[in-house]
Amino acid sequence: IGKRAKYVSEENALDHVAGYTIVN
């Protein structure tokens, strides 16, 4: 998560993502 997210819509959800990684 890159930006604070509270009650966000699916349409706007990805705007709050800083990036992706691998988790085991």
mmCIF file of all heavy atoms, coordinates in Angstrom:
data_MODEL
# 
_entry.id   MODEL 
# 
loop_
_atom_site.group_PDB 
_atom_site.id 
_atom_site.type_symbol 
_atom_site.label_atom_id 
_atom_site.label_alt_id 
_atom_site.label_comp_id 
_atom_site.label_asym_id 
_atom_site.label_entity_id 
_atom_site.label_seq_id 
_atom_site.pdbx_PDB_ins_code 
_atom_site.Cartn_x 
_atom_site.Cartn_y 
_atom_site.Cartn_z 
_atom_site.occupancy 
_atom_site.B_iso_or_equiv 
_atom_site.pdbx_formal_charge 
_atom_site.auth_seq_id 
_atom_site.auth_comp_id 
_atom_site.auth_asym_id 
_atom_site.auth_atom_id 
_atom_site.pdbx_PDB_model_num 
ATOM 1   N N   . ILE A 1 1  ? 0.844   -1.199  0.000   1.00 0.00 ? 1  ILE A N   1 
ATOM 2   C CA  . ILE A 1 1  ? 0.000   0.000   0.000   1.00 0.00 ? 1  ILE A CA  1 
ATOM 3   C C   . ILE A 1 1  ? 0.877   1.247   0.000   1.00 0.00 ? 1  ILE A C   1 
ATOM 4   O O   . ILE A 1 1  ? 1.851   1.335   0.755   1.00 0.00 ? 1  ILE A O   1 
ATOM 5   C CB  . ILE A 1 1  ? -0.940  -0.001  1.222   1.00 0.00 ? 1  ILE A CB  1 
ATOM 6   C CG1 . ILE A 1 1  ? -1.908  -1.188  1.158   1.00 0.00 ? 1  ILE A CG1 1 
ATOM 7   C CG2 . ILE A 1 1  ? -1.722  1.314   1.309   1.00 0.00 ? 1  ILE A CG2 1 
ATOM 8   C CD1 . ILE A 1 1  ? -2.833  -1.180  -0.045  1.00 0.00 ? 1  ILE A CD1 1 
ATOM 9   N N   . GLY A 1 2  ? 0.529   2.204   -0.866  1.00 0.00 ? 2  GLY A N   1 
ATOM 10  C CA  . GLY A 1 2  ? 1.288   3.440   -0.948  1.00 0.00 ? 2  GLY A CA  1 
ATOM 11  C C   . GLY A 1 2  ? 0.560   4.638   -0.380  1.00 0.00 ? 2  GLY A C   1 
ATOM 12  O O   . GLY A 1 2  ? 1.178   5.554   0.153   1.00 0.00 ? 2  GLY A O   1 
ATOM 13  N N   . LYS A 1 3  ? -0.776  4.620   -0.484  1.00 0.00 ? 3  LYS A N   1 
ATOM 14  C CA  . LYS A 1 3  ? -1.575  5.742   0.000   1.00 0.00 ? 3  LYS A CA  1 
ATOM 15  C C   . LYS A 1 3  ? -2.694  5.212   0.887   1.00 0.00 ? 3  LYS A C   1 
ATOM 16  O O   . LYS A 1 3  ? -3.278  4.168   0.611   1.00 0.00 ? 3  LYS A O   1 
ATOM 17  C CB  . LYS A 1 3  ? -2.159  6.531   -1.178  1.00 0.00 ? 3  LYS A CB  1 
ATOM 18  C CG  . LYS A 1 3  ? -1.102  7.173   -2.062  1.00 0.00 ? 3  LYS A CG  1 
ATOM 19  C CD  . LYS A 1 3  ? -1.733  7.911   -3.233  1.00 0.00 ? 3  LYS A CD  1 
ATOM 20  C CE  . LYS A 1 3  ? -0.655  8.521   -4.132  1.00 0.00 ? 3  LYS A CE  1 
ATOM 21  N NZ  . LYS A 1 3  ? -1.232  9.187   -5.310  1.00 0.00 ? 3  LYS A NZ  1 
ATOM 22  N N   . ARG A 1 4  ? -2.986  5.952   1.929   1.00 0.00 ? 4  ARG A N   1 
ATOM 23  C CA  . ARG A 1 4  ? -4.003  5.567   2.904   1.00 0.00 ? 4  ARG A CA  1 
ATOM 24  C C   . ARG A 1 4  ? -5.307  5.221   2.194   1.00 0.00 ? 4  ARG A C   1 
ATOM 25  O O   . ARG A 1 4  ? -5.763  5.948   1.309   1.00 0.00 ? 4  ARG A O   1 
ATOM 26  C CB  . ARG A 1 4  ? -4.226  6.705   3.891   1.00 0.00 ? 4  ARG A CB  1 
ATOM 27  C CG  . ARG A 1 4  ? -5.065  6.358   5.106   1.00 0.00 ? 4  ARG A CG  1 
ATOM 28  C CD  . ARG A 1 4  ? -5.027  7.537   6.071   1.00 0.00 ? 4  ARG A CD  1 
ATOM 29  N NE  . ARG A 1 4  ? -5.710  7.231   7.324   1.00 0.00 ? 4  ARG A NE  1 
ATOM 30  C CZ  . ARG A 1 4  ? -6.987  7.475   7.562   1.00 0.00 ? 4  ARG A CZ  1 
ATOM 31  N NH1 . ARG A 1 4  ? -7.746  8.033   6.611   1.00 0.00 ? 4  ARG A NH1 1 
ATOM 32  N NH2 . ARG A 1 4  ? -7.520  7.170   8.718   1.00 0.00 ? 4  ARG A NH2 1 
ATOM 33  N N   . ALA A 1 5  ? -5.908  4.096   2.583   1.00 0.00 ? 5  ALA A N   1 
ATOM 34  C CA  . ALA A 1 5  ? -7.131  3.627   1.932   1.00 0.00 ? 5  ALA A CA  1 
ATOM 35  C C   . ALA A 1 5  ? -8.193  3.308   2.978   1.00 0.00 ? 5  ALA A C   1 
ATOM 36  O O   . ALA A 1 5  ? -7.976  2.459   3.847   1.00 0.00 ? 5  ALA A O   1 
ATOM 37  C CB  . ALA A 1 5  ? -6.839  2.379   1.093   1.00 0.00 ? 5  ALA A CB  1 
ATOM 38  N N   . LYS A 1 6  ? -9.306  3.974   2.894   1.00 0.00 ? 6  LYS A N   1 
ATOM 39  C CA  . LYS A 1 6  ? -10.444 3.716   3.769   1.00 0.00 ? 6  LYS A CA  1 
ATOM 40  C C   . LYS A 1 6  ? -11.714 3.887   2.949   1.00 0.00 ? 6  LYS A C   1 
ATOM 41  O O   . LYS A 1 6  ? -11.925 4.952   2.345   1.00 0.00 ? 6  LYS A O   1 
ATOM 42  C CB  . LYS A 1 6  ? -10.448 4.673   4.967   1.00 0.00 ? 6  LYS A CB  1 
ATOM 43  C CG  . LYS A 1 6  ? -11.533 4.380   6.004   1.00 0.00 ? 6  LYS A CG  1 
ATOM 44  C CD  . LYS A 1 6  ? -11.386 5.310   7.194   1.00 0.00 ? 6  LYS A CD  1 
ATOM 45  C CE  . LYS A 1 6  ? -12.475 5.053   8.246   1.00 0.00 ? 6  LYS A CE  1 
ATOM 46  N NZ  . LYS A 1 6  ? -12.361 3.720   8.871   1.00 0.00 ? 6  LYS A NZ  1 
ATOM 47  N N   . TYR A 1 7  ? -12.534 2.835   2.890   1.00 0.00 ? 7  TYR A N   1 
ATOM 48  C CA  . TYR A 1 7  ? -13.767 2.842   2.106   1.00 0.00 ? 7  TYR A CA  1 
ATOM 49  C C   . TYR A 1 7  ? -13.508 3.230   0.648   1.00 0.00 ? 7  TYR A C   1 
ATOM 50  O O   . TYR A 1 7  ? -14.214 4.064   0.082   1.00 0.00 ? 7  TYR A O   1 
ATOM 51  C CB  . TYR A 1 7  ? -14.799 3.776   2.735   1.00 0.00 ? 7  TYR A CB  1 
ATOM 52  C CG  . TYR A 1 7  ? -15.191 3.420   4.141   1.00 0.00 ? 7  TYR A CG  1 
ATOM 53  C CD1 . TYR A 1 7  ? -15.144 4.376   5.160   1.00 0.00 ? 7  TYR A CD1 1 
ATOM 54  C CD2 . TYR A 1 7  ? -15.600 2.130   4.467   1.00 0.00 ? 7  TYR A CD2 1 
ATOM 55  C CE1 . TYR A 1 7  ? -15.508 4.060   6.462   1.00 0.00 ? 7  TYR A CE1 1 
ATOM 56  C CE2 . TYR A 1 7  ? -15.967 1.799   5.763   1.00 0.00 ? 7  TYR A CE2 1 
ATOM 57  C CZ  . TYR A 1 7  ? -15.913 2.761   6.759   1.00 0.00 ? 7  TYR A CZ  1 
ATOM 58  O OH  . TYR A 1 7  ? -16.255 2.440   8.046   1.00 0.00 ? 7  TYR A OH  1 
ATOM 59  N N   . VAL A 1 8  ? -12.512 2.638   0.032   1.00 0.00 ? 8  VAL A N   1 
ATOM 60  C CA  . VAL A 1 8  ? -12.247 2.952   -1.370  1.00 0.00 ? 8  VAL A CA  1 
ATOM 61  C C   . VAL A 1 8  ? -13.038 1.996   -2.261  1.00 0.00 ? 8  VAL A C   1 
ATOM 62  O O   . VAL A 1 8  ? -13.359 0.864   -1.886  1.00 0.00 ? 8  VAL A O   1 
ATOM 63  C CB  . VAL A 1 8  ? -10.740 2.867   -1.705  1.00 0.00 ? 8  VAL A CB  1 
ATOM 64  C CG1 . VAL A 1 8  ? -9.961  3.833   -0.840  1.00 0.00 ? 8  VAL A CG1 1 
ATOM 65  C CG2 . VAL A 1 8  ? -10.206 1.455   -1.566  1.00 0.00 ? 8  VAL A CG2 1 
ATOM 66  N N   . SER A 1 9  ? -13.351 2.445   -3.449  1.00 0.00 ? 9  SER A N   1 
ATOM 67  C CA  . SER A 1 9  ? -14.081 1.626   -4.415  1.00 0.00 ? 9  SER A CA  1 
ATOM 68  C C   . SER A 1 9  ? -13.113 0.736   -5.177  1.00 0.00 ? 9  SER A C   1 
ATOM 69  O O   . SER A 1 9  ? -11.897 0.985   -5.215  1.00 0.00 ? 9  SER A O   1 
ATOM 70  C CB  . SER A 1 9  ? -14.827 2.520   -5.400  1.00 0.00 ? 9  SER A CB  1 
ATOM 71  O OG  . SER A 1 9  ? -13.899 3.248   -6.193  1.00 0.00 ? 9  SER A OG  1 
ATOM 72  N N   . GLU A 1 10 ? -13.653 -0.302  -5.806  1.00 0.00 ? 10 GLU A N   1 
ATOM 73  C CA  . GLU A 1 10 ? -12.813 -1.141  -6.664  1.00 0.00 ? 10 GLU A CA  1 
ATOM 74  C C   . GLU A 1 10 ? -12.206 -0.328  -7.794  1.00 0.00 ? 10 GLU A C   1 
ATOM 75  O O   . GLU A 1 10 ? -11.056 -0.557  -8.192  1.00 0.00 ? 10 GLU A O   1 
ATOM 76  C CB  . GLU A 1 10 ? -13.641 -2.299  -7.232  1.00 0.00 ? 10 GLU A CB  1 
ATOM 77  C CG  . GLU A 1 10 ? -14.017 -3.359  -6.221  1.00 0.00 ? 10 GLU A CG  1 
ATOM 78  C CD  . GLU A 1 10 ? -14.821 -4.481  -6.848  1.00 0.00 ? 10 GLU A CD  1 
ATOM 79  O OE1 . GLU A 1 10 ? -14.625 -4.726  -8.062  1.00 0.00 ? 10 GLU A OE1 1 
ATOM 80  O OE2 . GLU A 1 10 ? -15.656 -5.088  -6.152  1.00 0.00 ? 10 GLU A OE2 1 
ATOM 81  N N   . GLU A 1 11 ? -12.966 0.628   -8.316  1.00 0.00 ? 11 GLU A N   1 
ATOM 82  C CA  . GLU A 1 11 ? -12.484 1.436   -9.436  1.00 0.00 ? 11 GLU A CA  1 
ATOM 83  C C   . GLU A 1 11 ? -11.262 2.263   -9.052  1.00 0.00 ? 11 GLU A C   1 
ATOM 84  O O   . GLU A 1 11 ? -10.385 2.521   -9.897  1.00 0.00 ? 11 GLU A O   1 
ATOM 85  C CB  . GLU A 1 11 ? -13.598 2.360   -9.938  1.00 0.00 ? 11 GLU A CB  1 
ATOM 86  C CG  . GLU A 1 11 ? -14.758 1.655   -10.619 1.00 0.00 ? 11 GLU A CG  1 
ATOM 87  C CD  . GLU A 1 11 ? -15.669 0.911   -9.639  1.00 0.00 ? 11 GLU A CD  1 
ATOM 88  O OE1 . GLU A 1 11 ? -15.648 1.228   -8.434  1.00 0.00 ? 11 GLU A OE1 1 
ATOM 89  O OE2 . GLU A 1 11 ? -16.398 0.011   -10.108 1.00 0.00 ? 11 GLU A OE2 1 
ATOM 90  N N   . ASN A 1 12 ? -11.184 2.673   -7.782  1.00 0.00 ? 12 ASN A N   1 
ATOM 91  C CA  . ASN A 1 12 ? -10.084 3.528   -7.335  1.00 0.00 ? 12 ASN A CA  1 
ATOM 92  C C   . ASN A 1 12 ? -9.041  2.785   -6.509  1.00 0.00 ? 12 ASN A C   1 
ATOM 93  O O   . ASN A 1 12 ? -8.039  3.383   -6.106  1.00 0.00 ? 12 ASN A O   1 
ATOM 94  C CB  . ASN A 1 12 ? -10.632 4.695   -6.500  1.00 0.00 ? 12 ASN A CB  1 
ATOM 95  C CG  . ASN A 1 12 ? -11.534 5.609   -7.310  1.00 0.00 ? 12 ASN A CG  1 
ATOM 96  O OD1 . ASN A 1 12 ? -11.295 5.825   -8.496  1.00 0.00 ? 12 ASN A OD1 1 
ATOM 97  N ND2 . ASN A 1 12 ? -12.574 6.127   -6.682  1.00 0.00 ? 12 ASN A ND2 1 
ATOM 98  N N   . ALA A 1 13 ? -9.275  1.505   -6.271  1.00 0.00 ? 13 ALA A N   1 
ATOM 99  C CA  . ALA A 1 13 ? -8.425  0.769   -5.334  1.00 0.00 ? 13 ALA A CA  1 
ATOM 100 C C   . ALA A 1 13 ? -6.964  0.747   -5.749  1.00 0.00 ? 13 ALA A C   1 
ATOM 101 O O   . ALA A 1 13 ? -6.054  0.916   -4.920  1.00 0.00 ? 13 ALA A O   1 
ATOM 102 C CB  . ALA A 1 13 ? -8.947  -0.661  -5.174  1.00 0.00 ? 13 ALA A CB  1 
ATOM 103 N N   . LEU A 1 14 ? -6.693  0.560   -7.029  1.00 0.00 ? 14 LEU A N   1 
ATOM 104 C CA  . LEU A 1 14 ? -5.308  0.433   -7.475  1.00 0.00 ? 14 LEU A CA  1 
ATOM 105 C C   . LEU A 1 14 ? -4.537  1.742   -7.370  1.00 0.00 ? 14 LEU A C   1 
ATOM 106 O O   . LEU A 1 14 ? -3.297  1.729   -7.399  1.00 0.00 ? 14 LEU A O   1 
ATOM 107 C CB  . LEU A 1 14 ? -5.255  -0.110  -8.901  1.00 0.00 ? 14 LEU A CB  1 
ATOM 108 C CG  . LEU A 1 14 ? -5.845  -1.512  -9.101  1.00 0.00 ? 14 LEU A CG  1 
ATOM 109 C CD1 . LEU A 1 14 ? -5.593  -1.990  -10.532 1.00 0.00 ? 14 LEU A CD1 1 
ATOM 110 C CD2 . LEU A 1 14 ? -5.275  -2.511  -8.103  1.00 0.00 ? 14 LEU A CD2 1 
ATOM 111 N N   . ASP A 1 15 ? -5.243  2.856   -7.223  1.00 0.00 ? 15 ASP A N   1 
ATOM 112 C CA  . ASP A 1 15 ? -4.566  4.139   -7.023  1.00 0.00 ? 15 ASP A CA  1 
ATOM 113 C C   . ASP A 1 15 ? -3.836  4.184   -5.683  1.00 0.00 ? 15 ASP A C   1 
ATOM 114 O O   . ASP A 1 15 ? -2.984  5.056   -5.472  1.00 0.00 ? 15 ASP A O   1 
ATOM 115 C CB  . ASP A 1 15 ? -5.571  5.290   -7.075  1.00 0.00 ? 15 ASP A CB  1 
ATOM 116 C CG  . ASP A 1 15 ? -6.216  5.442   -8.446  1.00 0.00 ? 15 ASP A CG  1 
ATOM 117 O OD1 . ASP A 1 15 ? -5.611  4.959   -9.430  1.00 0.00 ? 15 ASP A OD1 1 
ATOM 118 O OD2 . ASP A 1 15 ? -7.305  6.035   -8.524  1.00 0.00 ? 15 ASP A OD2 1 
ATOM 119 N N   . HIS A 1 16 ? -4.177  3.271   -4.796  1.00 0.00 ? 16 HIS A N   1 
ATOM 120 C CA  . HIS A 1 16 ? -3.581  3.253   -3.454  1.00 0.00 ? 16 HIS A CA  1 
ATOM 121 C C   . HIS A 1 16 ? -2.428  2.254   -3.337  1.00 0.00 ? 16 HIS A C   1 
ATOM 122 O O   . HIS A 1 16 ? -1.894  2.049   -2.253  1.00 0.00 ? 16 HIS A O   1 
ATOM 123 C CB  . HIS A 1 16 ? -4.660  2.925   -2.422  1.00 0.00 ? 16 HIS A CB  1 
ATOM 124 C CG  . HIS A 1 16 ? -5.751  3.959   -2.358  1.00 0.00 ? 16 HIS A CG  1 
ATOM 125 N ND1 . HIS A 1 16 ? -5.766  4.961   -1.414  1.00 0.00 ? 16 HIS A ND1 1 
ATOM 126 C CD2 . HIS A 1 16 ? -6.843  4.163   -3.142  1.00 0.00 ? 16 HIS A CD2 1 
ATOM 127 C CE1 . HIS A 1 16 ? -6.820  5.732   -1.614  1.00 0.00 ? 16 HIS A CE1 1 
ATOM 128 N NE2 . HIS A 1 16 ? -7.491  5.267   -2.660  1.00 0.00 ? 16 HIS A NE2 1 
ATOM 129 N N   . VAL A 1 17 ? -2.071  1.646   -4.445  1.00 0.00 ? 17 VAL A N   1 
ATOM 130 C CA  . VAL A 1 17 ? -1.026  0.615   -4.449  1.00 0.00 ? 17 VAL A CA  1 
ATOM 131 C C   . VAL A 1 17 ? 0.306   1.219   -4.879  1.00 0.00 ? 17 VAL A C   1 
ATOM 132 O O   . VAL A 1 17 ? 0.404   1.825   -5.949  1.00 0.00 ? 17 VAL A O   1 
ATOM 133 C CB  . VAL A 1 17 ? -1.413  -0.539  -5.390  1.00 0.00 ? 17 VAL A CB  1 
ATOM 134 C CG1 . VAL A 1 17 ? -0.273  -1.554  -5.509  1.00 0.00 ? 17 VAL A CG1 1 
ATOM 135 C CG2 . VAL A 1 17 ? -2.677  -1.229  -4.885  1.00 0.00 ? 17 VAL A CG2 1 
ATOM 136 N N   . ALA A 1 18 ? 1.343   1.051   -4.039  1.00 0.00 ? 18 ALA A N   1 
ATOM 137 C CA  . ALA A 1 18 ? 2.686   1.524   -4.390  1.00 0.00 ? 18 ALA A CA  1 
ATOM 138 C C   . ALA A 1 18 ? 3.364   0.577   -5.355  1.00 0.00 ? 18 ALA A C   1 
ATOM 139 O O   . ALA A 1 18 ? 4.149   0.992   -6.211  1.00 0.00 ? 18 ALA A O   1 
ATOM 140 C CB  . ALA A 1 18 ? 3.537   1.682   -3.133  1.00 0.00 ? 18 ALA A CB  1 
ATOM 141 N N   . GLY A 1 19 ? 3.085   -0.708  -5.204  1.00 0.00 ? 19 GLY A N   1 
ATOM 142 C CA  . GLY A 1 19 ? 3.722   -1.704  -6.059  1.00 0.00 ? 19 GLY A CA  1 
ATOM 143 C C   . GLY A 1 19 ? 3.460   -3.102  -5.556  1.00 0.00 ? 19 GLY A C   1 
ATOM 144 O O   . GLY A 1 19 ? 2.633   -3.328  -4.657  1.00 0.00 ? 19 GLY A O   1 
ATOM 145 N N   . TYR A 1 20 ? 4.210   -4.036  -6.126  1.00 0.00 ? 20 TYR A N   1 
ATOM 146 C CA  . TYR A 1 20 ? 3.982   -5.456  -5.862  1.00 0.00 ? 20 TYR A CA  1 
ATOM 147 C C   . TYR A 1 20 ? 5.295   -6.154  -5.538  1.00 0.00 ? 20 TYR A C   1 
ATOM 148 O O   . TYR A 1 20 ? 6.382   -5.722  -5.939  1.00 0.00 ? 20 TYR A O   1 
ATOM 149 C CB  . TYR A 1 20 ? 3.315   -6.108  -7.078  1.00 0.00 ? 20 TYR A CB  1 
ATOM 150 C CG  . TYR A 1 20 ? 2.012   -5.461  -7.436  1.00 0.00 ? 20 TYR A CG  1 
ATOM 151 C CD1 . TYR A 1 20 ? 1.940   -4.462  -8.413  1.00 0.00 ? 20 TYR A CD1 1 
ATOM 152 C CD2 . TYR A 1 20 ? 0.832   -5.802  -6.777  1.00 0.00 ? 20 TYR A CD2 1 
ATOM 153 C CE1 . TYR A 1 20 ? 0.748   -3.840  -8.728  1.00 0.00 ? 20 TYR A CE1 1 
ATOM 154 C CE2 . TYR A 1 20 ? -0.366  -5.186  -7.088  1.00 0.00 ? 20 TYR A CE2 1 
ATOM 155 C CZ  . TYR A 1 20 ? -0.410  -4.208  -8.062  1.00 0.00 ? 20 TYR A CZ  1 
ATOM 156 O OH  . TYR A 1 20 ? -1.603  -3.589  -8.354  1.00 0.00 ? 20 TYR A OH  1 
ATOM 157 N N   . THR A 1 21 ? 5.180   -7.260  -4.824  1.00 0.00 ? 21 THR A N   1 
ATOM 158 C CA  . THR A 1 21 ? 6.350   -8.024  -4.418  1.00 0.00 ? 21 THR A CA  1 
ATOM 159 C C   . THR A 1 21 ? 5.945   -9.485  -4.266  1.00 0.00 ? 21 THR A C   1 
ATOM 160 O O   . THR A 1 21 ? 4.793   -9.855  -4.479  1.00 0.00 ? 21 THR A O   1 
ATOM 161 C CB  . THR A 1 21 ? 6.939   -7.444  -3.115  1.00 0.00 ? 21 THR A CB  1 
ATOM 162 O OG1 . THR A 1 21 ? 8.208   -8.042  -2.856  1.00 0.00 ? 21 THR A OG1 1 
ATOM 163 C CG2 . THR A 1 21 ? 6.005   -7.668  -1.923  1.00 0.00 ? 21 THR A CG2 1 
ATOM 164 N N   . ILE A 1 22 ? 6.914   -10.317 -3.895  1.00 0.00 ? 22 ILE A N   1 
ATOM 165 C CA  . ILE A 1 22 ? 6.657   -11.734 -3.623  1.00 0.00 ? 22 ILE A CA  1 
ATOM 166 C C   . ILE A 1 22 ? 6.589   -11.927 -2.118  1.00 0.00 ? 22 ILE A C   1 
ATOM 167 O O   . ILE A 1 22 ? 7.432   -11.411 -1.373  1.00 0.00 ? 22 ILE A O   1 
ATOM 168 C CB  . ILE A 1 22 ? 7.762   -12.633 -4.201  1.00 0.00 ? 22 ILE A CB  1 
ATOM 169 C CG1 . ILE A 1 22 ? 7.915   -12.407 -5.707  1.00 0.00 ? 22 ILE A CG1 1 
ATOM 170 C CG2 . ILE A 1 22 ? 7.478   -14.104 -3.914  1.00 0.00 ? 22 ILE A CG2 1 
ATOM 171 C CD1 . ILE A 1 22 ? 9.104   -13.148 -6.318  1.00 0.00 ? 22 ILE A CD1 1 
ATOM 172 N N   . VAL A 1 23 ? 5.610   -12.684 -1.669  1.00 0.00 ? 23 VAL A N   1 
ATOM 173 C CA  . VAL A 1 23 ? 5.518   -13.089 -0.266  1.00 0.00 ? 23 VAL A CA  1 
ATOM 174 C C   . VAL A 1 23 ? 5.437   -14.607 -0.212  1.00 0.00 ? 23 VAL A C   1 
ATOM 175 O O   . VAL A 1 23 ? 4.656   -15.217 -0.940  1.00 0.00 ? 23 VAL A O   1 
ATOM 176 C CB  . VAL A 1 23 ? 4.276   -12.486 0.429   1.00 0.00 ? 23 VAL A CB  1 
ATOM 177 C CG1 . VAL A 1 23 ? 4.177   -12.976 1.878   1.00 0.00 ? 23 VAL A CG1 1 
ATOM 178 C CG2 . VAL A 1 23 ? 4.317   -10.962 0.379   1.00 0.00 ? 23 VAL A CG2 1 
ATOM 179 N N   . ASN A 1 24 ? 6.248   -15.216 0.637   1.00 0.00 ? 24 ASN A N   1 
ATOM 180 C CA  . ASN A 1 24 ? 6.113   -16.647 0.928   1.00 0.00 ? 24 ASN A CA  1 
ATOM 181 C C   . ASN A 1 24 ? 5.379   -16.762 2.257   1.00 0.00 ? 24 ASN A C   1 
ATOM 182 O O   . ASN A 1 24 ? 5.933   -16.454 3.312   1.00 0.00 ? 24 ASN A O   1 
ATOM 183 C CB  . ASN A 1 24 ? 7.485   -17.314 1.008   1.00 0.00 ? 24 ASN A CB  1 
ATOM 184 C CG  . ASN A 1 24 ? 7.396   -18.834 1.129   1.00 0.00 ? 24 ASN A CG  1 
ATOM 185 O OD1 . ASN A 1 24 ? 6.319   -19.391 1.280   1.00 0.00 ? 24 ASN A OD1 1 
ATOM 186 N ND2 . ASN A 1 24 ? 8.535   -19.497 1.084   1.00 0.00 ? 24 ASN A ND2 1 
# 
